[in-house]
Amino acid sequence: MPRFQRHSRLLNRIFFASVIAAGLFGWFYVSGNWQPDPSAFEIDSLTGDADLIDIIAGLLEDAIQIFQDITG
């Protein structure tokens, strides 16, 4: 049984290292290949009388449109 624990700990460490490495690779890939346009997140209804719900709804609507443009 102790032999199983040693292998299990080693496998956990290998898995943890591979997950961290995959996350770093994904971050480098995305930061190098996908740069969102900041002007795409402008909210037309952002005036002095806009409340938090309008701001959140506008951001979500823009995010959905950007996602549809990317995947479409």
C-alpha atoms as a PDB file:
ATOM      1  CA  MET A   1       0.000   0.000   0.000  1.00  0.00           C
ATOM      2  CA  PRO A   2       2.778   2.602   0.659  1.00  0.00           C
ATOM      3  CA  ARG A   3       4.087   1.960  -2.847  1.00  0.00           C
ATOM      4  CA  PHE A   4       0.710   3.028  -4.233  1.00  0.00           C
ATOM      5  CA  GLN A   5       0.870   6.248  -2.240  1.00  0.00           C
ATOM      6  CA  ARG A   6       4.283   7.128  -3.668  1.00  0.00           C
ATOM      7  CA  HIS A   7       3.106   6.582  -7.216  1.00  0.00           C
ATOM      8  CA  SER A   8      -0.103   8.443  -6.581  1.00  0.00           C
ATOM      9  CA  ARG A   9       1.802  11.438  -5.214  1.00  0.00           C
ATOM     10  CA  LEU A  10       4.115  11.395  -8.207  1.00  0.00           C
ATOM     11  CA  LEU A  11       1.189  11.201 -10.610  1.00  0.00           C
ATOM     12  CA  ASN A  12      -0.486  14.095  -8.795  1.00  0.00           C
ATOM     13  CA  ARG A  13       2.659  16.182  -9.153  1.00  0.00           C
ATOM     14  CA  ILE A  14       2.986  15.314 -12.841  1.00  0.00           C
ATOM     15  CA  PHE A  15      -0.674  16.152 -13.421  1.00  0.00           C
ATOM     16  CA  PHE A  16      -0.351  19.438 -11.528  1.00  0.00           C
ATOM     17  CA  ALA A  17       2.743  20.418 -13.505  1.00  0.00           C
ATOM     18  CA  SER A  18       1.058  19.530 -16.809  1.00  0.00           C
ATOM     19  CA  VAL A  19      -2.039  21.593 -15.931  1.00  0.00           C
ATOM     20  CA  ILE A  20       0.129  24.593 -15.014  1.00  0.00           C
ATOM     21  CA  ALA A  21       2.158  24.174 -18.221  1.00  0.00           C
ATOM     22  CA  ALA A  22      -1.007  23.931 -20.343  1.00  0.00           C
ATOM     23  CA  GLY A  23      -2.412  27.042 -18.670  1.00  0.00           C
ATOM     24  CA  LEU A  24       0.778  28.993 -19.352  1.00  0.00           C
ATOM     25  CA  PHE A  25       0.831  27.809 -22.961  1.00  0.00           C
ATOM     26  CA  GLY A  26      -2.799  28.865 -23.394  1.00  0.00           C
ATOM     27  CA  TRP A  27      -2.106  32.265 -21.869  1.00  0.00           C
ATOM     28  CA  PHE A  28       0.863  32.867 -24.185  1.00  0.00           C
ATOM     29  CA  TYR A  29      -1.133  31.698 -27.198  1.00  0.00           C
ATOM     30  CA  VAL A  30      -4.136  33.887 -26.451  1.00  0.00           C
ATOM     31  CA  SER A  31      -2.070  36.952 -25.586  1.00  0.00           C
ATOM     32  CA  GLY A  32      -0.124  36.580 -28.834  1.00  0.00           C
ATOM     33  CA  ASN A  33      -2.941  35.677 -31.231  1.00  0.00           C
ATOM     34  CA  TRP A  34      -6.138  37.232 -29.906  1.00  0.00           C
ATOM     35  CA  GLN A  35      -6.236  40.923 -29.084  1.00  0.00           C
ATOM     36  CA  PRO A  36      -9.746  42.271 -28.552  1.00  0.00           C
ATOM     37  CA  ASP A  37     -10.589  45.681 -29.916  1.00  0.00           C
ATOM     38  CA  PRO A  38     -11.301  47.988 -26.945  1.00  0.00           C
ATOM     39  CA  SER A  39     -13.692  50.090 -29.018  1.00  0.00           C
ATOM     40  CA  ALA A  40     -15.943  47.041 -29.367  1.00  0.00           C
ATOM     41  CA  PHE A  41     -16.905  47.342 -25.699  1.00  0.00           C
ATOM     42  CA  GLU A  42     -18.354  50.849 -25.921  1.00  0.00           C
ATOM     43  CA  ILE A  43     -21.784  51.170 -24.369  1.00  0.00           C
ATOM     44  CA  ASP A  44     -24.068  53.547 -26.241  1.00  0.00           C
ATOM     45  CA  SER A  45     -26.418  54.017 -23.299  1.00  0.00           C
ATOM     46  CA  LEU A  46     -23.639  55.032 -20.908  1.00  0.00           C
ATOM     47  CA  THR A  47     -24.854  58.454 -19.870  1.00  0.00           C
ATOM     48  CA  GLY A  48     -25.176  60.211 -16.551  1.00  0.00           C
ATOM     49  CA  ASP A  49     -28.543  58.609 -15.827  1.00  0.00           C
ATOM     50  CA  ALA A  50     -27.475  55.005 -16.563  1.00  0.00           C
ATOM     51  CA  ASP A  51     -27.694  52.678 -13.607  1.00  0.00           C
ATOM     52  CA  LEU A  52     -25.752  49.503 -12.843  1.00  0.00           C
ATOM     53  CA  ILE A  53     -28.280  47.230 -14.554  1.00  0.00           C
ATOM     54  CA  ASP A  54     -27.989  49.181 -17.836  1.00  0.00           C
ATOM     55  CA  ILE A  55     -24.192  49.019 -17.701  1.00  0.00           C
ATOM     56  CA  ILE A  56     -24.144  45.266 -17.032  1.00  0.00           C
ATOM     57  CA  ALA A  57     -26.763  44.609 -19.722  1.00  0.00           C
ATOM     58  CA  GLY A  58     -24.799  46.662 -22.243  1.00  0.00           C
ATOM     59  CA  LEU A  59     -21.547  44.850 -21.473  1.00  0.00           C
ATOM     60  CA  LEU A  60     -23.213  41.443 -21.721  1.00  0.00           C
ATOM     61  CA  GLU A  61     -24.875  42.370 -24.991  1.00  0.00           C
ATOM     62  CA  ASP A  62     -21.550  43.517 -26.444  1.00  0.00           C
ATOM     63  CA  ALA A  63     -19.819  40.366 -25.193  1.00  0.00           C
ATOM     64  CA  ILE A  64     -22.465  38.165 -26.840  1.00  0.00           C
ATOM     65  CA  GLN A  65     -22.111  40.047 -30.127  1.00  0.00           C
ATOM     66  CA  ILE A  66     -18.322  39.730 -30.034  1.00  0.00           C
ATOM     67  CA  PHE A  67     -18.611  36.005 -29.276  1.00  0.00           C
ATOM     68  CA  GLN A  68     -20.989  35.560 -32.204  1.00  0.00           C
ATOM     69  CA  ASP A  69     -18.611  37.460 -34.495  1.00  0.00           C
ATOM     70  CA  ILE A  70     -15.691  35.287 -33.420  1.00  0.00           C
ATOM     71  CA  THR A  71     -17.506  31.978 -33.803  1.00  0.00           C
ATOM     72  CA  GLY A  72     -19.573  32.892 -36.843  1.00  0.00           C
END
